[in-house]
C-alpha atoms as a PDB file:
ATOM      1  CA  GLN A   1     101.253 120.486 100.893  1.00  0.00           C
ATOM      2  CA  GLY A   2     100.368 119.466  97.355  1.00  0.00           C
ATOM      3  CA  GLU A   3      97.933 117.058  95.911  1.00  0.00           C
ATOM      4  CA  GLY A   4      97.802 113.302  95.777  1.00  0.00           C
ATOM      5  CA  ILE A   5      98.686 111.217  92.737  1.00  0.00           C
ATOM      6  CA  ASP A   6      94.989 110.988  91.892  1.00  0.00           C
ATOM      7  CA  GLY A   7      94.550 114.786  91.920  1.00  0.00           C
ATOM      8  CA  ALA A   8      91.766 114.524  94.524  1.00  0.00           C
ATOM      9  CA  GLY A   9      93.312 116.279  97.472  1.00  0.00           C
ATOM     10  CA  PRO A  10      96.236 115.742  99.802  1.00  0.00           C
ATOM     11  CA  PRO A  11      98.747 112.982  99.166  1.00  0.00           C
ATOM     12  CA  ALA A  12      97.471 109.490  99.958  1.00  0.00           C
ATOM     13  CA  THR A  13      98.573 108.066 103.292  1.00  0.00           C
ATOM     14  CA  PRO A  14      98.190 104.586 104.757  1.00  0.00           C
ATOM     15  CA  GLN A  15      95.254 105.958 106.788  1.00  0.00           C
ATOM     16  CA  ALA A  16      93.596 107.707 103.842  1.00  0.00           C
ATOM     17  CA  PRO A  17      94.239 105.783 100.618  1.00  0.00           C
ATOM     18  CA  SER A  18      93.432 107.282  97.259  1.00  0.00           C
ATOM     19  CA  LYS A  19      90.046 106.235  95.900  1.00  0.00           C
ATOM     20  CA  ARG A  20      90.457 107.351  92.316  1.00  0.00           C
ATOM     21  CA  GLY A  21      92.514 105.236  89.898  1.00  0.00           C
ATOM     22  CA  MET A  22      94.373 105.919  86.692  1.00  0.00           C
ATOM     23  CA  ASP A  23      93.367 104.381  83.398  1.00  0.00           C
ATOM     24  CA  ARG A  24      96.842 104.317  81.853  1.00  0.00           C
ATOM     25  CA  VAL A  25     100.390 104.003  83.163  1.00  0.00           C
ATOM     26  CA  ASP A  26     101.282 107.075  81.081  1.00  0.00           C
ATOM     27  CA  ASP A  27      98.728 109.151  83.031  1.00  0.00           C
ATOM     28  CA  PHE A  28     100.299 107.967  86.243  1.00  0.00           C
ATOM     29  CA  LEU A  29     103.823 108.865  85.059  1.00  0.00           C
ATOM     30  CA  GLU A  30     102.698 112.346  83.942  1.00  0.00           C
ATOM     31  CA  LYS A  31     101.128 113.015  87.333  1.00  0.00           C
ATOM     32  CA  LEU A  32     104.191 111.619  89.069  1.00  0.00           C
ATOM     33  CA  ALA A  33     106.490 113.932  87.084  1.00  0.00           C
ATOM     34  CA  ARG A  34     104.380 116.980  88.076  1.00  0.00           C
ATOM     35  CA  LEU A  35     104.247 116.062  91.780  1.00  0.00           C
ATOM     36  CA  CYS A  36     107.800 114.803  92.212  1.00  0.00           C
ATOM     37  CA  PRO A  37     110.126 116.784  89.940  1.00  0.00           C
ATOM     38  CA  LEU A  38     113.773 115.737  89.862  1.00  0.00           C
ATOM     39  CA  SER A  39     114.735 119.130  91.314  1.00  0.00           C
ATOM     40  CA  GLY A  40     112.375 118.710  94.283  1.00  0.00           C
ATOM     41  CA  ALA A  41     112.499 116.660  97.430  1.00  0.00           C
ATOM     42  CA  ALA A  42     112.731 112.864  97.159  1.00  0.00           C
ATOM     43  CA  HIS A  43     109.534 110.919  97.483  1.00  0.00           C
ATOM     44  CA  TYR A  44     109.258 107.288  98.528  1.00  0.00           C
ATOM     45  CA  VAL A  45     106.722 104.732  97.387  1.00  0.00           C
ATOM     46  CA  VAL A  46     106.538 101.722  99.679  1.00  0.00           C
ATOM     47  CA  LEU A  47     104.861  98.617  98.311  1.00  0.00           C
ATOM     48  CA  GLU A  48     104.169  96.057 101.033  1.00  0.00           C
ATOM     49  CA  GLN A  49     103.660  92.463  99.923  1.00  0.00           C
ATOM     50  CA  ALA A  50     105.168  93.339  96.569  1.00  0.00           C
ATOM     51  CA  GLU A  51     105.113  89.664  95.586  1.00  0.00           C
ATOM     52  CA  ARG A  52     101.348  90.104  94.986  1.00  0.00           C
ATOM     53  CA  LEU A  53     102.205  92.120  91.874  1.00  0.00           C
ATOM     54  CA  ARG A  54     103.550  88.916  90.348  1.00  0.00           C
ATOM     55  CA  ALA A  55     100.062  87.356  90.372  1.00  0.00           C
ATOM     56  CA  PRO A  56      98.565  86.653  86.934  1.00  0.00           C
ATOM     57  CA  ARG A  57      95.864  89.318  87.283  1.00  0.00           C
ATOM     58  CA  ALA A  58      98.137  91.968  88.769  1.00  0.00           C
ATOM     59  CA  ASN A  59      99.159  94.901  86.584  1.00  0.00           C
ATOM     60  CA  PHE A  60     102.879  94.311  86.478  1.00  0.00           C
ATOM     61  CA  GLN A  61     103.234  97.398  84.284  1.00  0.00           C
ATOM     62  CA  VAL A  62     102.713  99.638  87.338  1.00  0.00           C
ATOM     63  CA  LEU A  63     105.632  98.006  89.144  1.00  0.00           C
ATOM     64  CA  LEU A  64     107.800  98.316  86.058  1.00  0.00           C
ATOM     65  CA  ALA A  65     106.864 102.008  85.689  1.00  0.00           C
ATOM     66  CA  LEU A  66     107.638 102.692  89.347  1.00  0.00           C
ATOM     67  CA  MET A  67     110.978 100.922  89.112  1.00  0.00           C
ATOM     68  CA  ARG A  68     111.944 103.217  86.190  1.00  0.00           C
ATOM     69  CA  ALA A  69     110.077 106.376  87.302  1.00  0.00           C
ATOM     70  CA  ARG A  70     113.208 108.545  87.401  1.00  0.00           C
ATOM     71  CA  GLU A  71     114.040 107.609  83.838  1.00  0.00           C
ATOM     72  CA  LEU A  72     110.507 107.457  82.331  1.00  0.00           C
ATOM     73  CA  ALA A  73     108.926 110.459  84.090  1.00  0.00           C
ATOM     74  CA  GLY A  74     111.868 112.468  85.335  1.00  0.00           C
ATOM     75  CA  ALA A  75     110.491 112.032  88.855  1.00  0.00           C
ATOM     76  CA  ASN A  76     112.491 112.071  92.074  1.00  0.00           C
ATOM     77  CA  VAL A  77     110.914 108.851  93.322  1.00  0.00           C
ATOM     78  CA  HIS A  78     112.440 105.922  95.154  1.00  0.00           C
ATOM     79  CA  VAL A  79     110.600 102.629  95.409  1.00  0.00           C
ATOM     80  CA  VAL A  80     110.806 100.343  98.429  1.00  0.00           C
ATOM     81  CA  LEU A  81     109.539  96.811  97.802  1.00  0.00           C
ATOM     82  CA  VAL A  82     108.638  94.958 100.963  1.00  0.00           C
ATOM     83  CA  SER A  83     108.528  91.246 100.196  1.00  0.00           C
ATOM     84  CA  ARG A  84     109.347  87.874 101.621  1.00  0.00           C
ATOM     85  CA  LEU A  85     110.811  86.956  98.225  1.00  0.00           C
ATOM     86  CA  GLY A  86     114.174  87.924  96.845  1.00  0.00           C
ATOM     87  CA  TRP A  87     114.718  90.143  93.808  1.00  0.00           C
ATOM     88  CA  ASP A  88     115.383  87.100  91.634  1.00  0.00           C
ATOM     89  CA  SER A  89     111.648  86.275  92.047  1.00  0.00           C
ATOM     90  CA  PHE A  90     110.868  89.464  90.151  1.00  0.00           C
ATOM     91  CA  SER A  91     112.668  88.264  87.024  1.00  0.00           C
ATOM     92  CA  ALA A  92     110.386  90.261  84.746  1.00  0.00           C
ATOM     93  CA  CYS A  93     111.766  93.442  86.326  1.00  0.00           C
ATOM     94  CA  SER A  94     115.341  92.285  85.939  1.00  0.00           C
ATOM     95  CA  SER A  95     115.080  92.094  82.189  1.00  0.00           C
ATOM     96  CA  THR A  96     113.597  95.578  81.691  1.00  0.00           C
ATOM     97  CA  GLY A  97     116.590  97.715  82.465  1.00  0.00           C
ATOM     98  CA  ALA A  98     115.333  98.664  85.914  1.00  0.00           C
ATOM     99  CA  ALA A  99     118.129  99.424  88.340  1.00  0.00           C
ATOM    100  CA  GLU A 100     119.206  96.505  90.486  1.00  0.00           C
ATOM    101  CA  PRO A 101     117.814  97.131  93.966  1.00  0.00           C
ATOM    102  CA  MET A 102     119.802  97.327  97.168  1.00  0.00           C
ATOM    103  CA  PRO A 103     118.456  94.462  99.284  1.00  0.00           C
ATOM    104  CA  LEU A 104     117.909  94.957 103.007  1.00  0.00           C
ATOM    105  CA  ALA A 105     117.328  91.986 105.201  1.00  0.00           C
ATOM    106  CA  PHE A 106     115.824  92.309 108.684  1.00  0.00           C
ATOM    107  CA  PRO A 107     116.142  89.599 111.256  1.00  0.00           C
ATOM    108  CA  ALA A 108     112.953  87.845 112.366  1.00  0.00           C
ATOM    109  CA  TYR A 109     111.241  89.223 115.455  1.00  0.00           C
ATOM    110  CA  SER A 110     111.856  87.329 118.668  1.00  0.00           C
ATOM    111  CA  ASP A 111     108.767  86.442 120.734  1.00  0.00           C
ATOM    112  CA  ALA A 112     109.584  89.325 123.091  1.00  0.00           C
ATOM    113  CA  ASP A 113     109.813  91.727 120.146  1.00  0.00           C
ATOM    114  CA  LEU A 114     106.455  90.535 118.866  1.00  0.00           C
ATOM    115  CA  VAL A 115     104.854  91.075 122.285  1.00  0.00           C
ATOM    116  CA  ARG A 116     106.189  94.667 122.384  1.00  0.00           C
ATOM    117  CA  VAL A 117     104.986  95.348 118.837  1.00  0.00           C
ATOM    118  CA  LEU A 118     101.518  93.908 119.488  1.00  0.00           C
ATOM    119  CA  ALA A 119     101.164  95.783 122.793  1.00  0.00           C
ATOM    120  CA  GLN A 120     102.108  99.030 121.040  1.00  0.00           C
ATOM    121  CA  MET A 121      99.619  98.340 118.218  1.00  0.00           C
ATOM    122  CA  ARG A 122      96.779  97.614 120.674  1.00  0.00           C
ATOM    123  CA  TYR A 123      97.567 100.141 123.425  1.00  0.00           C
ATOM    124  CA  PRO A 124      99.914 102.766 122.045  1.00  0.00           C
ATOM    125  CA  LEU A 125     102.084 104.794 124.373  1.00  0.00           C
ATOM    126  CA  ARG A 126     102.384 108.295 123.062  1.00  0.00           C
ATOM    127  CA  SER A 127     105.844 108.784 124.471  1.00  0.00           C
ATOM    128  CA  GLU A 128     107.733 106.813 127.048  1.00  0.00           C
ATOM    129  CA  GLU A 129     110.094 109.784 127.383  1.00  0.00           C
ATOM    130  CA  ASN A 130     107.282 111.927 128.753  1.00  0.00           C
ATOM    131  CA  GLY A 131     106.942 109.529 131.647  1.00  0.00           C
ATOM    132  CA  GLU A 132     103.652 108.012 130.446  1.00  0.00           C
ATOM    133  CA  GLU A 133     103.070 104.960 132.560  1.00  0.00           C
ATOM    134  CA  GLU A 134     102.068 101.639 131.069  1.00  0.00           C
ATOM    135  CA  SER A 135      98.416 100.847 131.986  1.00  0.00           C
ATOM    136  CA  ASP A 136      97.404  97.699 133.841  1.00  0.00           C
ATOM    137  CA  GLU A 137      95.355  96.744 130.775  1.00  0.00           C
ATOM    138  CA  ARG A 138      98.403  97.074 128.511  1.00  0.00           C
ATOM    139  CA  ARG A 139     100.527  94.942 130.864  1.00  0.00           C
ATOM    140  CA  LEU A 140      97.797  92.288 131.054  1.00  0.00           C
ATOM    141  CA  TYR A 141      97.433  92.346 127.258  1.00  0.00           C
ATOM    142  CA  ALA A 142     101.211  91.929 126.877  1.00  0.00           C
ATOM    143  CA  ARG A 143     101.198  88.855 129.149  1.00  0.00           C
ATOM    144  CA  PHE A 144      98.177  87.468 127.254  1.00  0.00           C
ATOM    145  CA  ALA A 145      99.898  88.143 123.914  1.00  0.00           C
ATOM    146  CA  GLY A 146     103.037  86.379 125.131  1.00  0.00           C
ATOM    147  CA  VAL A 147     101.094  83.239 125.840  1.00  0.00           C
ATOM    148  CA  ALA A 148      99.188  83.431 122.541  1.00  0.00           C
ATOM    149  CA  ILE A 149     102.335  84.087 120.520  1.00  0.00           C
ATOM    150  CA  ALA A 150     104.042  81.017 121.993  1.00  0.00           C
ATOM    151  CA  THR A 151     101.450  79.004 120.040  1.00  0.00           C
ATOM    152  CA  LEU A 152     100.543  81.212 117.091  1.00  0.00           C
ATOM    153  CA  ALA A 153     104.105  82.118 116.085  1.00  0.00           C
ATOM    154  CA  ARG A 154     104.597  78.586 114.852  1.00  0.00           C
ATOM    155  CA  ALA A 155     102.128  79.383 112.053  1.00  0.00           C
ATOM    156  CA  THR A 156     103.162  82.965 111.289  1.00  0.00           C
ATOM    157  CA  THR A 157     105.516  85.689 112.480  1.00  0.00           C
ATOM    158  CA  SER A 158     103.712  88.471 110.596  1.00  0.00           C
ATOM    159  CA  ALA A 159     102.932  91.179 113.127  1.00  0.00           C
ATOM    160  CA  ARG A 160      99.828  92.121 111.145  1.00  0.00           C
ATOM    161  CA  GLU A 161      98.443  88.554 111.175  1.00  0.00           C
ATOM    162  CA  LEU A 162      99.354  88.037 114.836  1.00  0.00           C
ATOM    163  CA  HIS A 163      97.732  91.383 115.738  1.00  0.00           C
ATOM    164  CA  ALA A 164      94.490  90.229 114.152  1.00  0.00           C
ATOM    165  CA  ALA A 165      94.550  86.750 115.723  1.00  0.00           C
ATOM    166  CA  VAL A 166      95.570  87.861 119.202  1.00  0.00           C
ATOM    167  CA  GLY A 167      93.081  90.766 119.010  1.00  0.00           C
ATOM    168  CA  GLU A 168      90.207  88.369 118.406  1.00  0.00           C
ATOM    169  CA  LEU A 169      91.324  86.096 121.235  1.00  0.00           C
ATOM    170  CA  TRP A 170      91.754  89.134 123.564  1.00  0.00           C
ATOM    171  CA  THR A 171      88.259  90.355 122.745  1.00  0.00           C
ATOM    172  CA  GLU A 172      86.808  86.935 123.557  1.00  0.00           C
ATOM    173  CA  ALA A 173      88.846  86.725 126.740  1.00  0.00           C
ATOM    174  CA  LEU A 174      87.617  90.103 127.859  1.00  0.00           C
ATOM    175  CA  ALA A 175      84.045  89.054 127.355  1.00  0.00           C
ATOM    176  CA  GLY A 176      84.575  86.223 129.848  1.00  0.00           C
ATOM    177  CA  PRO A 177      81.624  84.426 131.506  1.00  0.00           C
ATOM    178  CA  ALA A 178      78.492  86.595 131.441  1.00  0.00           C
ATOM    179  CA  GLY A 179      80.435  89.598 130.292  1.00  0.00           C
ATOM    180  CA  ALA A 180      82.821  89.688 133.283  1.00  0.00           C
ATOM    181  CA  ALA A 181      86.401  90.812 132.658  1.00  0.00           C
ATOM    182  CA  PRO A 182      88.882  87.891 132.868  1.00  0.00           C
ATOM    183  CA  TRP A 183      90.422  89.213 136.120  1.00  0.00           C
ATOM    184  CA  GLU A 184      86.911  89.343 137.648  1.00  0.00           C
ATOM    185  CA  ALA A 185      85.868  85.833 136.539  1.00  0.00           C
ATOM    186  CA  PRO A 186      87.134  84.044 139.675  1.00  0.00           C
ATOM    187  CA  ARG A 187      85.191  86.449 141.881  1.00  0.00           C
ATOM    188  CA  ALA A 188      82.063  86.115 139.739  1.00  0.00           C
ATOM    189  CA  ALA A 189      82.227  82.303 140.056  1.00  0.00           C
ATOM    190  CA  GLN A 190      82.289  82.429 143.869  1.00  0.00           C
END
């Protein structure tokens, strides 16, 4: 399986990020060349919210090194920048000889799409093909999320931000009066 960029075990994943850093960009490029040789399989580095690397305290050199990894390290690495900003906002990269990226634009989620995404994030279905039925709790959550999104989506359409906000509201709604579930509240009041 190989080792992670930091040399401390398996490759880093979103669930298990690397905890050890590199002191120099050259060290990073050397490790990258060893782990991702040009003759080997392609590896992909995905940087979400890449615009954060433009911040004054961010180490822009890492982004520049990644953008030119094939040339600088001889590594079979492709970089995917996920950003709300266009490439022209990364003007410092444009002037370094880094290859011009291929932009991909995705349409904004509709409210119905957001509800499906949030329901899957909160109550994942392993496989709809295996005939796994949607639980009553998942259906109730989806209806709740639909109502919440109608209001919250005016402020943000980020699935991650909506997941956090709707999750907090859902937890509070589940607590209900005296700990009763929301569907039991009318009975508890009688």
